[in-house]
Amino acid sequence: MIFVLILSAVFIGSLMPIQAGINAEFTRFLKHPYLVPIISLIIGTIGLSFLLLLQGVTMTDLRRVTEAPPYLFLGGILSAIFVTAAMFFIPKLGATTMIASYVTGQLVMSVIIDHYGLMNLTPQPINMTRILGVILLFAGLILVVKKGT
């Protein structure tokens, strides 16, 4: 089962540079830097709204949103930052460098989050294997950024 989940995550991850490239191209077309991220997030919201309707969201589910602690809404802001930044970075860095940079940052923060058990996760202490993984990821980022000689 873990193999299927990992393959699914890899596949979904493979869609990220496609999304960033499409958004960058859309930005060049519209000639406005913030219109595309808004459109992208609205379209995503509409798509997810249909899924909610198909699953039968209840009024109780919707009321719970009003009871959520305010910091939980930061996820929406972080999504907007991610989509907007990717749109700016991909034309300047290229898909490979942008994604390698994002993945490196994601892994470093994930190791920190796991180590301390932040966000109510079960702590998973940093060990030499994880440290080596982070070092190798930074090495990979350097190799990706380095121009061919």
Protein backbone atom coordinates (compact mmCIF):
# COMPACT_ATOMS: atom_id res chain seq x y z
CA MET A 1 0.00 0.00 0.00
CA ILE A 2 2.81 2.44 0.85
CA PHE A 3 4.26 1.85 -2.64
CA VAL A 4 0.98 2.94 -4.27
CA LEU A 5 0.78 6.02 -2.06
CA ILE A 6 4.36 6.99 -2.89
CA LEU A 7 3.80 6.48 -6.62
CA SER A 8 0.63 8.58 -6.40
CA ALA A 9 2.52 11.36 -4.60
CA VAL A 10 5.31 11.22 -7.20
CA PHE A 11 2.74 11.46 -10.00
CA ILE A 12 0.97 14.41 -8.37
CA GLY A 13 4.35 16.04 -7.75
CA SER A 14 5.10 15.65 -11.46
CA LEU A 15 2.14 17.89 -12.19
CA MET A 16 3.64 20.84 -10.28
CA PRO A 17 6.06 22.02 -13.02
CA ILE A 18 3.27 21.64 -15.57
CA GLN A 19 1.01 23.86 -13.45
CA ALA A 20 3.78 26.42 -12.94
CA GLY A 21 4.59 26.48 -16.66
CA ILE A 22 0.95 26.90 -17.66
CA ASN A 23 0.49 29.69 -15.12
CA ALA A 24 3.63 31.46 -16.36
CA GLU A 25 2.43 31.21 -19.95
CA PHE A 26 -1.04 32.45 -18.92
CA THR A 27 0.62 35.42 -17.16
CA ARG A 28 2.54 36.32 -20.32
CA PHE A 29 -0.73 36.10 -22.24
CA LEU A 30 -2.75 38.26 -19.82
CA LYS A 31 0.18 40.59 -19.02
CA HIS A 32 -0.85 40.87 -15.36
CA PRO A 33 1.13 39.17 -12.57
CA TYR A 34 -1.63 38.61 -10.00
CA LEU A 35 -4.64 37.86 -12.18
CA VAL A 36 -3.49 34.33 -13.05
CA PRO A 37 -2.97 33.09 -9.48
CA ILE A 38 -6.42 34.38 -8.56
CA ILE A 39 -7.98 32.66 -11.58
CA SER A 40 -6.05 29.46 -10.79
CA LEU A 41 -7.19 29.41 -7.17
CA ILE A 42 -10.81 30.24 -8.12
CA ILE A 43 -10.89 27.39 -10.64
CA GLY A 44 -9.45 25.07 -8.00
CA THR A 45 -12.10 26.24 -5.54
CA ILE A 46 -14.89 25.59 -8.05
CA GLY A 47 -13.54 22.10 -8.77
CA LEU A 48 -13.27 21.23 -5.08
CA SER A 49 -16.76 22.65 -4.47
CA PHE A 50 -18.17 20.14 -6.95
CA LEU A 51 -16.35 17.35 -5.12
CA LEU A 52 -17.85 18.52 -1.82
CA LEU A 53 -21.32 18.50 -3.33
CA LEU A 54 -20.79 15.00 -4.72
CA GLN A 55 -19.65 13.80 -1.30
CA GLY A 56 -22.64 15.37 0.39
CA VAL A 57 -21.14 18.10 2.59
CA THR A 58 -23.47 18.89 5.47
CA MET A 59 -24.32 22.13 7.26
CA THR A 60 -22.55 20.71 10.31
CA ASP A 61 -19.39 20.39 8.22
CA LEU A 62 -19.71 23.98 7.05
CA ARG A 63 -20.43 25.32 10.55
CA ARG A 64 -17.24 23.72 11.85
CA VAL A 65 -15.28 26.05 9.57
CA THR A 66 -16.41 29.02 11.66
CA GLU A 67 -15.09 27.29 14.79
CA ALA A 68 -11.58 26.71 13.41
CA PRO A 69 -8.67 28.59 15.00
CA PRO A 70 -7.62 31.51 12.77
CA TYR A 71 -4.08 30.19 12.19
CA LEU A 72 -5.51 27.21 10.30
CA PHE A 73 -6.52 29.56 7.50
CA LEU A 74 -2.86 30.33 6.77
CA GLY A 75 -2.88 27.31 4.45
CA GLY A 76 -4.85 29.34 1.92
CA ILE A 77 -2.35 32.19 2.09
CA LEU A 78 0.53 29.73 1.72
CA SER A 79 -1.19 28.20 -1.35
CA ALA A 80 -1.48 31.64 -2.93
CA ILE A 81 2.19 32.35 -2.19
CA PHE A 82 3.26 29.01 -3.67
CA VAL A 83 1.24 29.42 -6.88
CA THR A 84 2.25 33.05 -7.37
CA ALA A 85 5.94 32.47 -6.63
CA ALA A 86 6.10 29.46 -8.96
CA MET A 87 4.65 31.59 -11.74
CA PHE A 88 7.45 34.14 -11.22
CA PHE A 89 10.30 31.67 -10.68
CA ILE A 90 9.71 29.24 -13.56
CA PRO A 91 10.47 31.69 -16.41
CA LYS A 92 13.61 32.92 -14.62
CA LEU A 93 14.94 29.63 -13.26
CA GLY A 94 13.41 27.01 -15.53
CA ALA A 95 11.21 24.14 -14.39
CA THR A 96 14.05 21.94 -13.16
CA THR A 97 15.77 24.52 -10.96
CA MET A 98 12.49 25.86 -9.60
CA ILE A 99 11.16 22.43 -8.64
CA ALA A 100 14.54 21.28 -7.26
CA SER A 101 14.63 24.42 -5.12
CA TYR A 102 11.05 23.92 -3.92
CA VAL A 103 11.65 20.24 -3.13
CA THR A 104 14.85 21.06 -1.22
CA GLY A 105 13.03 23.64 0.88
CA GLN A 106 10.12 21.25 1.42
CA LEU A 107 12.38 18.46 2.62
CA VAL A 108 14.36 20.67 5.00
CA MET A 109 11.16 22.04 6.57
CA SER A 110 9.61 18.55 6.66
CA VAL A 111 12.58 17.17 8.60
CA ILE A 112 12.24 20.02 11.11
CA ILE A 113 8.47 19.53 11.41
CA ASP A 114 8.89 15.77 11.89
CA HIS A 115 11.73 16.13 14.38
CA TYR A 116 9.76 18.41 16.69
CA GLY A 117 6.36 16.86 15.99
CA LEU A 118 4.96 20.23 14.95
CA MET A 119 1.33 20.53 13.85
CA ASN A 120 0.31 17.58 16.02
CA LEU A 121 2.43 15.08 14.08
CA THR A 122 4.14 12.16 15.77
CA PRO A 123 7.78 13.21 16.32
CA GLN A 124 10.28 11.45 14.08
CA PRO A 125 13.75 12.43 15.31
CA ILE A 126 16.42 13.57 12.90
CA ASN A 127 18.91 10.78 12.30
CA MET A 128 21.98 10.33 10.12
CA THR A 129 19.95 8.82 7.29
CA ARG A 130 17.71 11.88 7.11
CA ILE A 131 20.67 14.24 7.39
CA LEU A 132 22.36 12.40 4.52
CA GLY A 133 19.15 12.65 2.49
CA VAL A 134 19.05 16.42 3.01
CA ILE A 135 22.75 16.75 2.12
CA LEU A 136 22.22 14.70 -1.05
CA LEU A 137 19.23 16.82 -1.97
CA PHE A 138 21.33 19.99 -1.62
CA ALA A 139 24.03 18.31 -3.73
CA GLY A 140 21.39 17.49 -6.33
CA LEU A 141 20.17 21.09 -6.30
CA ILE A 142 23.72 22.33 -6.88
CA LEU A 143 24.15 19.88 -9.78
CA VAL A 144 20.82 20.91 -11.30
CA VAL A 145 21.70 24.62 -11.06
CA LYS A 146 25.27 24.17 -12.33
CA LYS A 147 25.46 24.84 -16.04
CA GLY A 148 26.97 22.10 -18.17
CA THR A 149 30.70 22.37 -18.71
